[in-house]
Amino acid sequence: MDTWFECFMKSEVVMQRRKFSREFRVEAVKLVRERGVSVARAAVTWASNENVVRKWVKEFGSDPEQAFPGHGHMKPDSWKSSGCGARSPS
């Protein structure tokens, strides 16, 4: 007999993490920054979480051109500081 917890853990019940496109995120940020909509209202409008929208606004504000680089892509400054790339010979 399945318990509630076992049912919840089945693969068809577990939700996938949602992925938002760069355009979607930029529009949500513009709603907050340019139109003066509250973060809470933007989150409800865009079917997201307040904290996620707040993070998008912060990330976009620090560097609009490099904000939201995409899945698996890093910002150029993050790439350099992560130790990736060519290293000088010792």
PDB file of N, CA and C in Angstrom:
ATOM      1  N   MET A   1       0.843  -1.195   0.000  1.00  0.00           N
ATOM      2  CA  MET A   1       0.000   0.000   0.000  1.00  0.00           C
ATOM      3  C   MET A   1       0.881   1.249   0.000  1.00  0.00           C
ATOM      4  N   ASP A   2       0.639   2.160  -0.926  1.00  0.00           N
ATOM      5  CA  ASP A   2       1.427   3.383  -1.018  1.00  0.00           C
ATOM      6  C   ASP A   2       1.036   4.360   0.080  1.00  0.00           C
ATOM      7  N   THR A   3       2.056   4.929   0.681  1.00  0.00           N
ATOM      8  CA  THR A   3       1.784   6.007   1.631  1.00  0.00           C
ATOM      9  C   THR A   3       1.759   7.310   0.856  1.00  0.00           C
ATOM     10  N   TRP A   4       1.345   8.376   1.499  1.00  0.00           N
ATOM     11  CA  TRP A   4       1.300   9.682   0.846  1.00  0.00           C
ATOM     12  C   TRP A   4       2.693  10.091   0.391  1.00  0.00           C
ATOM     13  N   PHE A   5       3.710   9.847   1.229  1.00  0.00           N
ATOM     14  CA  PHE A   5       5.078  10.239   0.905  1.00  0.00           C
ATOM     15  C   PHE A   5       5.597   9.466  -0.298  1.00  0.00           C
ATOM     16  N   GLU A   6       5.342   8.164  -0.350  1.00  0.00           N
ATOM     17  CA  GLU A   6       5.784   7.361  -1.487  1.00  0.00           C
ATOM     18  C   GLU A   6       5.141   7.843  -2.778  1.00  0.00           C
ATOM     19  N   CYS A   7       3.883   8.198  -2.699  1.00  0.00           N
ATOM     20  CA  CYS A   7       3.174   8.717  -3.873  1.00  0.00           C
ATOM     21  C   CYS A   7       3.794  10.038  -4.323  1.00  0.00           C
ATOM     22  N   PHE A   8       4.149  10.876  -3.366  1.00  0.00           N
ATOM     23  CA  PHE A   8       4.728  12.176  -3.673  1.00  0.00           C
ATOM     24  C   PHE A   8       6.079  12.034  -4.362  1.00  0.00           C
ATOM     25  N   MET A   9       6.839  11.014  -4.025  1.00  0.00           N
ATOM     26  CA  MET A   9       8.184  10.844  -4.553  1.00  0.00           C
ATOM     27  C   MET A   9       8.218  10.135  -5.905  1.00  0.00           C
ATOM     28  N   LYS A  10       7.109   9.680  -6.403  1.00  0.00           N
ATOM     29  CA  LYS A  10       7.095   9.029  -7.705  1.00  0.00           C
ATOM     30  C   LYS A  10       7.466  10.032  -8.787  1.00  0.00           C
ATOM     31  N   SER A  11       8.142   9.562  -9.818  1.00  0.00           N
ATOM     32  CA  SER A  11       8.675  10.466 -10.836  1.00  0.00           C
ATOM     33  C   SER A  11       7.601  11.261 -11.563  1.00  0.00           C
ATOM     34  N   GLU A  12       6.424  10.702 -11.740  1.00  0.00           N
ATOM     35  CA  GLU A  12       5.397  11.447 -12.464  1.00  0.00           C
ATOM     36  C   GLU A  12       4.770  12.551 -11.619  1.00  0.00           C
ATOM     37  N   VAL A  13       5.029  12.541 -10.314  1.00  0.00           N
ATOM     38  CA  VAL A  13       4.463  13.552  -9.425  1.00  0.00           C
ATOM     39  C   VAL A  13       5.460  14.672  -9.147  1.00  0.00           C
ATOM     40  N   VAL A  14       6.743  14.373  -9.146  1.00  0.00           N
ATOM     41  CA  VAL A  14       7.773  15.359  -8.827  1.00  0.00           C
ATOM     42  C   VAL A  14       7.835  16.404  -9.936  1.00  0.00           C
ATOM     43  N   MET A  15       7.819  17.676  -9.535  1.00  0.00           N
ATOM     44  CA  MET A  15       7.822  18.773 -10.504  1.00  0.00           C
ATOM     45  C   MET A  15       9.236  19.036 -11.013  1.00  0.00           C
ATOM     46  N   GLN A  16       9.326  19.465 -12.243  1.00  0.00           N
ATOM     47  CA  GLN A  16      10.593  19.851 -12.840  1.00  0.00           C
ATOM     48  C   GLN A  16      10.858  21.323 -12.521  1.00  0.00           C
ATOM     49  N   ARG A  17      12.136  21.689 -12.458  1.00  0.00           N
ATOM     50  CA  ARG A  17      12.500  23.087 -12.263  1.00  0.00           C
ATOM     51  C   ARG A  17      12.149  23.859 -13.529  1.00  0.00           C
ATOM     52  N   ARG A  18      11.486  24.981 -13.351  1.00  0.00           N
ATOM     53  CA  ARG A  18      11.117  25.785 -14.519  1.00  0.00           C
ATOM     54  C   ARG A  18      12.316  26.574 -15.009  1.00  0.00           C
ATOM     55  N   LYS A  19      12.388  26.759 -16.310  1.00  0.00           N
ATOM     56  CA  LYS A  19      13.459  27.531 -16.928  1.00  0.00           C
ATOM     57  C   LYS A  19      12.833  28.701 -17.668  1.00  0.00           C
ATOM     58  N   PHE A  20      13.311  29.890 -17.369  1.00  0.00           N
ATOM     59  CA  PHE A  20      12.783  31.093 -17.987  1.00  0.00           C
ATOM     60  C   PHE A  20      13.789  31.638 -18.994  1.00  0.00           C
ATOM     61  N   SER A  21      13.305  32.039 -20.154  1.00  0.00           N
ATOM     62  CA  SER A  21      14.193  32.591 -21.179  1.00  0.00           C
ATOM     63  C   SER A  21      14.706  33.965 -20.748  1.00  0.00           C
ATOM     64  N   ARG A  22      15.765  34.410 -21.398  1.00  0.00           N
ATOM     65  CA  ARG A  22      16.320  35.725 -21.112  1.00  0.00           C
ATOM     66  C   ARG A  22      15.275  36.806 -21.375  1.00  0.00           C
ATOM     67  N   GLU A  23      14.538  36.677 -22.460  1.00  0.00           N
ATOM     68  CA  GLU A  23      13.515  37.666 -22.814  1.00  0.00           C
ATOM     69  C   GLU A  23      12.441  37.753 -21.735  1.00  0.00           C
ATOM     70  N   PHE A  24      12.038  36.616 -21.211  1.00  0.00           N
ATOM     71  CA  PHE A  24      11.035  36.575 -20.147  1.00  0.00           C
ATOM     72  C   PHE A  24      11.534  37.329 -18.923  1.00  0.00           C
ATOM     73  N   ARG A  25      12.782  37.069 -18.525  1.00  0.00           N
ATOM     74  CA  ARG A  25      13.362  37.708 -17.355  1.00  0.00           C
ATOM     75  C   ARG A  25      13.493  39.209 -17.556  1.00  0.00           C
ATOM     76  N   VAL A  26      13.949  39.623 -18.738  1.00  0.00           N
ATOM     77  CA  VAL A  26      14.115  41.053 -19.026  1.00  0.00           C
ATOM     78  C   VAL A  26      12.765  41.759 -18.954  1.00  0.00           C
ATOM     79  N   GLU A  27      11.724  41.160 -19.486  1.00  0.00           N
ATOM     80  CA  GLU A  27      10.391  41.775 -19.428  1.00  0.00           C
ATOM     81  C   GLU A  27       9.905  41.914 -17.991  1.00  0.00           C
ATOM     82  N   ALA A  28      10.158  40.913 -17.165  1.00  0.00           N
ATOM     83  CA  ALA A  28       9.765  40.992 -15.753  1.00  0.00           C
ATOM     84  C   ALA A  28      10.527  42.118 -15.048  1.00  0.00           C
ATOM     85  N   VAL A  29      11.805  42.248 -15.340  1.00  0.00           N
ATOM     86  CA  VAL A  29      12.625  43.308 -14.743  1.00  0.00           C
ATOM     87  C   VAL A  29      12.139  44.677 -15.202  1.00  0.00           C
ATOM     88  N   LYS A  30      11.829  44.824 -16.487  1.00  0.00           N
ATOM     89  CA  LYS A  30      11.335  46.098 -17.003  1.00  0.00           C
ATOM     90  C   LYS A  30      10.024  46.485 -16.338  1.00  0.00           C
ATOM     91  N   LEU A  31       9.194  45.515 -16.073  1.00  0.00           N
ATOM     92  CA  LEU A  31       7.924  45.774 -15.401  1.00  0.00           C
ATOM     93  C   LEU A  31       8.171  46.429 -14.043  1.00  0.00           C
ATOM     94  N   VAL A  32       9.172  45.950 -13.334  1.00  0.00           N
ATOM     95  CA  VAL A  32       9.494  46.489 -12.005  1.00  0.00           C
ATOM     96  C   VAL A  32      10.223  47.828 -12.111  1.00  0.00           C
ATOM     97  N   ARG A  33      11.264  47.888 -12.937  1.00  0.00           N
ATOM     98  CA  ARG A  33      12.122  49.071 -12.978  1.00  0.00           C
ATOM     99  C   ARG A  33      11.543  50.239 -13.757  1.00  0.00           C
ATOM    100  N   GLU A  34      10.902  49.971 -14.888  1.00  0.00           N
ATOM    101  CA  GLU A  34      10.444  51.062 -15.743  1.00  0.00           C
ATOM    102  C   GLU A  34       8.994  51.458 -15.488  1.00  0.00           C
ATOM    103  N   ARG A  35       8.175  50.501 -15.139  1.00  0.00           N
ATOM    104  CA  ARG A  35       6.757  50.808 -14.935  1.00  0.00           C
ATOM    105  C   ARG A  35       6.394  50.983 -13.476  1.00  0.00           C
ATOM    106  N   GLY A  36       7.353  50.709 -12.575  1.00  0.00           N
ATOM    107  CA  GLY A  36       7.129  50.940 -11.151  1.00  0.00           C
ATOM    108  C   GLY A  36       6.233  49.915 -10.474  1.00  0.00           C
ATOM    109  N   VAL A  37       6.072  48.765 -11.080  1.00  0.00           N
ATOM    110  CA  VAL A  37       5.255  47.705 -10.486  1.00  0.00           C
ATOM    111  C   VAL A  37       6.052  47.073  -9.349  1.00  0.00           C
ATOM    112  N   SER A  38       5.387  46.728  -8.255  1.00  0.00           N
ATOM    113  CA  SER A  38       6.091  46.110  -7.135  1.00  0.00           C
ATOM    114  C   SER A  38       6.599  44.726  -7.522  1.00  0.00           C
ATOM    115  N   VAL A  39       7.633  44.284  -6.828  1.00  0.00           N
ATOM    116  CA  VAL A  39       8.193  42.960  -7.096  1.00  0.00           C
ATOM    117  C   VAL A  39       7.136  41.891  -6.833  1.00  0.00           C
ATOM    118  N   ALA A  40       6.361  42.068  -5.782  1.00  0.00           N
ATOM    119  CA  ALA A  40       5.314  41.092  -5.457  1.00  0.00           C
ATOM    120  C   ALA A  40       4.290  40.990  -6.584  1.00  0.00           C
ATOM    121  N   ARG A  41       3.867  42.131  -7.109  1.00  0.00           N
ATOM    122  CA  ARG A  41       2.881  42.137  -8.198  1.00  0.00           C
ATOM    123  C   ARG A  41       3.467  41.537  -9.472  1.00  0.00           C
ATOM    124  N   ALA A  42       4.720  41.858  -9.758  1.00  0.00           N
ATOM    125  CA  ALA A  42       5.382  41.295 -10.939  1.00  0.00           C
ATOM    126  C   ALA A  42       5.483  39.781 -10.824  1.00  0.00           C
ATOM    127  N   ALA A  43       5.782  39.299  -9.632  1.00  0.00           N
ATOM    128  CA  ALA A  43       5.881  37.852  -9.422  1.00  0.00           C
ATOM    129  C   ALA A  43       4.551  37.171  -9.673  1.00  0.00           C
ATOM    130  N   VAL A  44       3.479  37.767  -9.203  1.00  0.00           N
ATOM    131  CA  VAL A  44       2.146  37.195  -9.426  1.00  0.00           C
ATOM    132  C   VAL A  44       1.794  37.253 -10.911  1.00  0.00           C
ATOM    133  N   THR A  45       2.071  38.380 -11.546  1.00  0.00           N
ATOM    134  CA  THR A  45       1.770  38.560 -12.962  1.00  0.00           C
ATOM    135  C   THR A  45       2.519  37.565 -13.831  1.00  0.00           C
ATOM    136  N   TRP A  46       3.798  37.342 -13.517  1.00  0.00           N
ATOM    137  CA  TRP A  46       4.645  36.479 -14.327  1.00  0.00           C
ATOM    138  C   TRP A  46       4.707  35.045 -13.805  1.00  0.00           C
ATOM    139  N   ALA A  47       3.837  34.700 -12.848  1.00  0.00           N
ATOM    140  CA  ALA A  47       3.756  33.343 -12.293  1.00  0.00           C
ATOM    141  C   ALA A  47       5.116  32.863 -11.798  1.00  0.00           C
ATOM    142  N   SER A  48       5.741  33.685 -10.995  1.00  0.00           N
ATOM    143  CA  SER A  48       7.041  33.342 -10.445  1.00  0.00           C
ATOM    144  C   SER A  48       7.031  33.639  -8.957  1.00  0.00           C
ATOM    145  N   ASN A  49       8.185  33.506  -8.330  1.00  0.00           N
ATOM    146  CA  ASN A  49       8.331  33.757  -6.908  1.00  0.00           C
ATOM    147  C   ASN A  49       8.940  35.137  -6.706  1.00  0.00           C
ATOM    148  N   GLU A  50       8.529  35.822  -5.643  1.00  0.00           N
ATOM    149  CA  GLU A  50       9.052  37.161  -5.351  1.00  0.00           C
ATOM    150  C   GLU A  50      10.570  37.191  -5.288  1.00  0.00           C
ATOM    151  N   ASN A  51      11.153  36.214  -4.607  1.00  0.00           N
ATOM    152  CA  ASN A  51      12.607  36.187  -4.453  1.00  0.00           C
ATOM    153  C   ASN A  51      13.314  36.002  -5.786  1.00  0.00           C
ATOM    154  N   VAL A  52      12.715  35.253  -6.686  1.00  0.00           N
ATOM    155  CA  VAL A  52      13.305  35.038  -8.007  1.00  0.00           C
ATOM    156  C   VAL A  52      13.290  36.346  -8.791  1.00  0.00           C
ATOM    157  N   VAL A  53      12.173  37.048  -8.781  1.00  0.00           N
ATOM    158  CA  VAL A  53      12.075  38.328  -9.495  1.00  0.00           C
ATOM    159  C   VAL A  53      13.038  39.339  -8.886  1.00  0.00           C
ATOM    160  N   ARG A  54      13.135  39.362  -7.573  1.00  0.00           N
ATOM    161  CA  ARG A  54      14.064  40.281  -6.900  1.00  0.00           C
ATOM    162  C   ARG A  54      15.509  39.983  -7.336  1.00  0.00           C
ATOM    163  N   LYS A  55      15.861  38.704  -7.443  1.00  0.00           N
ATOM    164  CA  LYS A  55      17.203  38.310  -7.893  1.00  0.00           C
ATOM    165  C   LYS A  55      17.439  38.769  -9.329  1.00  0.00           C
ATOM    166  N   TRP A  56      16.428  38.628 -10.190  1.00  0.00           N
ATOM    167  CA  TRP A  56      16.556  39.063 -11.579  1.00  0.00           C
ATOM    168  C   TRP A  56      16.804  40.562 -11.657  1.00  0.00           C
ATOM    169  N   VAL A  57      16.065  41.339 -10.853  1.00  0.00           N
ATOM    170  CA  VAL A  57      16.224  42.805 -10.851  1.00  0.00           C
ATOM    171  C   VAL A  57      17.643  43.167 -10.418  1.00  0.00           C
ATOM    172  N   LYS A  58      18.133  42.507  -9.384  1.00  0.00           N
ATOM    173  CA  LYS A  58      19.491  42.773  -8.894  1.00  0.00           C
ATOM    174  C   LYS A  58      20.528  42.402  -9.944  1.00  0.00           C
ATOM    175  N   GLU A  59      20.388  41.235 -10.552  1.00  0.00           N
ATOM    176  CA  GLU A  59      21.343  40.779 -11.558  1.00  0.00           C
ATOM    177  C   GLU A  59      21.334  41.681 -12.785  1.00  0.00           C
ATOM    178  N   PHE A  60      20.158  42.099 -13.209  1.00  0.00           N
ATOM    179  CA  PHE A  60      20.036  42.975 -14.373  1.00  0.00           C
ATOM    180  C   PHE A  60      20.611  44.355 -14.074  1.00  0.00           C
ATOM    181  N   GLY A  61      20.404  44.829 -12.853  1.00  0.00           N
ATOM    182  CA  GLY A  61      20.883  46.156 -12.470  1.00  0.00           C
ATOM    183  C   GLY A  61      22.396  46.259 -12.435  1.00  0.00           C
ATOM    184  N   SER A  62      23.071  45.175 -12.099  1.00  0.00           N
ATOM    185  CA  SER A  62      24.525  45.221 -11.991  1.00  0.00           C
ATOM    186  C   SER A  62      25.205  45.246 -13.361  1.00  0.00           C
ATOM    187  N   ASP A  63      24.618  44.580 -14.359  1.00  0.00           N
ATOM    188  CA  ASP A  63      25.219  44.551 -15.699  1.00  0.00           C
ATOM    189  C   ASP A  63      24.171  44.091 -16.711  1.00  0.00           C
ATOM    190  N   PRO A  64      23.371  45.016 -17.254  1.00  0.00           N
ATOM    191  CA  PRO A  64      22.277  44.629 -18.155  1.00  0.00           C
ATOM    192  C   PRO A  64      22.713  43.844 -19.389  1.00  0.00           C
ATOM    193  N   GLU A  65      23.876  44.170 -19.935  1.00  0.00           N
ATOM    194  CA  GLU A  65      24.329  43.482 -21.153  1.00  0.00           C
ATOM    195  C   GLU A  65      24.696  42.026 -20.886  1.00  0.00           C
ATOM    196  N   GLN A  66      25.273  41.763 -19.722  1.00  0.00           N
ATOM    197  CA  GLN A  66      25.728  40.411 -19.403  1.00  0.00           C
ATOM    198  C   GLN A  66      24.753  39.644 -18.513  1.00  0.00           C
ATOM    199  N   ALA A  67      23.629  40.256 -18.159  1.00  0.00           N
ATOM    200  CA  ALA A  67      22.653  39.582 -17.299  1.00  0.00           C
ATOM    201  C   ALA A  67      22.013  38.413 -18.033  1.00  0.00           C
ATOM    202  N   PHE A  68      21.780  37.350 -17.319  1.00  0.00           N
ATOM    203  CA  PHE A  68      21.090  36.162 -17.827  1.00  0.00           C
ATOM    204  C   PHE A  68      21.790  35.581 -19.055  1.00  0.00           C
ATOM    205  N   PRO A  69      23.022  35.105 -18.915  1.00  0.00           N
ATOM    206  CA  PRO A  69      23.764  34.607 -20.072  1.00  0.00           C
ATOM    207  C   PRO A  69      23.204  33.323 -20.681  1.00  0.00           C
ATOM    208  N   GLY A  70      22.412  32.584 -19.963  1.00  0.00           N
ATOM    209  CA  GLY A  70      21.832  31.357 -20.516  1.00  0.00           C
ATOM    210  C   GLY A  70      22.317  30.121 -19.797  1.00  0.00           C
ATOM    211  N   HIS A  71      21.701  29.018 -20.083  1.00  0.00           N
ATOM    212  CA  HIS A  71      22.004  27.764 -19.415  1.00  0.00           C
ATOM    213  C   HIS A  71      23.385  27.259 -19.824  1.00  0.00           C
ATOM    214  N   GLY A  72      24.241  27.060 -18.833  1.00  0.00           N
ATOM    215  CA  GLY A  72      25.565  26.541 -19.099  1.00  0.00           C
ATOM    216  C   GLY A  72      26.575  27.583 -19.518  1.00  0.00           C
ATOM    217  N   HIS A  73      26.159  28.828 -19.623  1.00  0.00           N
ATOM    218  CA  HIS A  73      27.077  29.895 -20.035  1.00  0.00           C
ATOM    219  C   HIS A  73      27.401  30.760 -18.822  1.00  0.00           C
ATOM    220  N   MET A  74      28.619  31.230 -18.771  1.00  0.00           N
ATOM    221  CA  MET A  74      29.034  32.092 -17.670  1.00  0.00           C
ATOM    222  C   MET A  74      29.316  33.493 -18.195  1.00  0.00           C
ATOM    223  N   LYS A  75      29.195  34.456 -17.312  1.00  0.00           N
ATOM    224  CA  LYS A  75      29.596  35.812 -17.651  1.00  0.00           C
ATOM    225  C   LYS A  75      31.108  35.822 -17.845  1.00  0.00           C
ATOM    226  N   PRO A  76      31.630  36.677 -18.728  1.00  0.00           N
ATOM    227  CA  PRO A  76      33.077  36.692 -18.976  1.00  0.00           C
ATOM    228  C   PRO A  76      33.917  36.874 -17.712  1.00  0.00           C
ATOM    229  N   ASP A  77      33.529  37.764 -16.806  1.00  0.00           N
ATOM    230  CA  ASP A  77      34.305  37.975 -15.589  1.00  0.00           C
ATOM    231  C   ASP A  77      34.239  36.768 -14.664  1.00  0.00           C
ATOM    232  N   SER A  78      33.113  36.070 -14.619  1.00  0.00           N
ATOM    233  CA  SER A  78      32.990  34.868 -13.800  1.00  0.00           C
ATOM    234  C   SER A  78      33.845  33.754 -14.369  1.00  0.00           C
ATOM    235  N   TRP A  79      33.908  33.685 -15.681  1.00  0.00           N
ATOM    236  CA  TRP A  79      34.682  32.647 -16.353  1.00  0.00           C
ATOM    237  C   TRP A  79      36.157  32.797 -16.011  1.00  0.00           C
ATOM    238  N   LYS A  80      36.647  34.027 -16.021  1.00  0.00           N
ATOM    239  CA  LYS A  80      38.059  34.273 -15.721  1.00  0.00           C
ATOM    240  C   LYS A  80      38.381  33.958 -14.260  1.00  0.00           C
ATOM    241  N   SER A  81      37.506  34.371 -13.351  1.00  0.00           N
ATOM    242  CA  SER A  81      37.780  34.180 -11.931  1.00  0.00           C
ATOM    243  C   SER A  81      37.574  32.738 -11.482  1.00  0.00           C
ATOM    244  N   SER A  82      36.914  31.905 -12.300  1.00  0.00           N
ATOM    245  CA  SER A  82      36.661  30.523 -11.908  1.00  0.00           C
ATOM    246  C   SER A  82      37.870  29.629 -12.131  1.00  0.00           C
ATOM    247  N   GLY A  83      38.893  30.151 -12.782  1.00  0.00           N
ATOM    248  CA  GLY A  83      40.081  29.360 -13.048  1.00  0.00           C
ATOM    249  C   GLY A  83      40.011  28.628 -14.364  1.00  0.00           C
ATOM    250  N   CYS A  84      38.971  28.870 -15.135  1.00  0.00           N
ATOM    251  CA  CYS A  84      38.849  28.234 -16.451  1.00  0.00           C
ATOM    252  C   CYS A  84      39.719  28.976 -17.455  1.00  0.00           C
ATOM    253  N   GLY A  85      39.994  28.319 -18.528  1.00  0.00           N
ATOM    254  CA  GLY A  85      40.734  28.978 -19.596  1.00  0.00           C
ATOM    255  C   GLY A  85      42.208  28.630 -19.575  1.00  0.00           C
ATOM    256  N   ALA A  86      42.935  29.299 -20.426  1.00  0.00           N
ATOM    257  CA  ALA A  86      44.367  29.008 -20.572  1.00  0.00           C
ATOM    258  C   ALA A  86      45.134  29.489 -19.344  1.00  0.00           C
ATOM    259  N   ARG A  87      46.078  28.685 -18.965  1.00  0.00           N
ATOM    260  CA  ARG A  87      46.945  29.056 -17.845  1.00  0.00           C
ATOM    261  C   ARG A  87      48.373  29.219 -18.359  1.00  0.00           C
ATOM    262  N   SER A  88      49.065  30.099 -17.742  1.00  0.00           N
ATOM    263  CA  SER A  88      50.454  30.295 -18.159  1.00  0.00           C
ATOM    264  C   SER A  88      51.295  29.117 -17.678  1.00  0.00           C
ATOM    265  N   PRO A  89      52.280  28.711 -18.478  1.00  0.00           N
ATOM    266  CA  PRO A  89      53.121  27.574 -18.077  1.00  0.00           C
ATOM    267  C   PRO A  89      53.940  27.918 -16.848  1.00  0.00           C
ATOM    268  N   SER A  90      54.177  26.935 -15.988  1.00  0.00           N
ATOM    269  CA  SER A  90      54.920  27.166 -14.754  1.00  0.00           C
ATOM    270  C   SER A  90      56.397  27.075 -14.958  1.00  0.00           C
TER     271      SER A  90
END
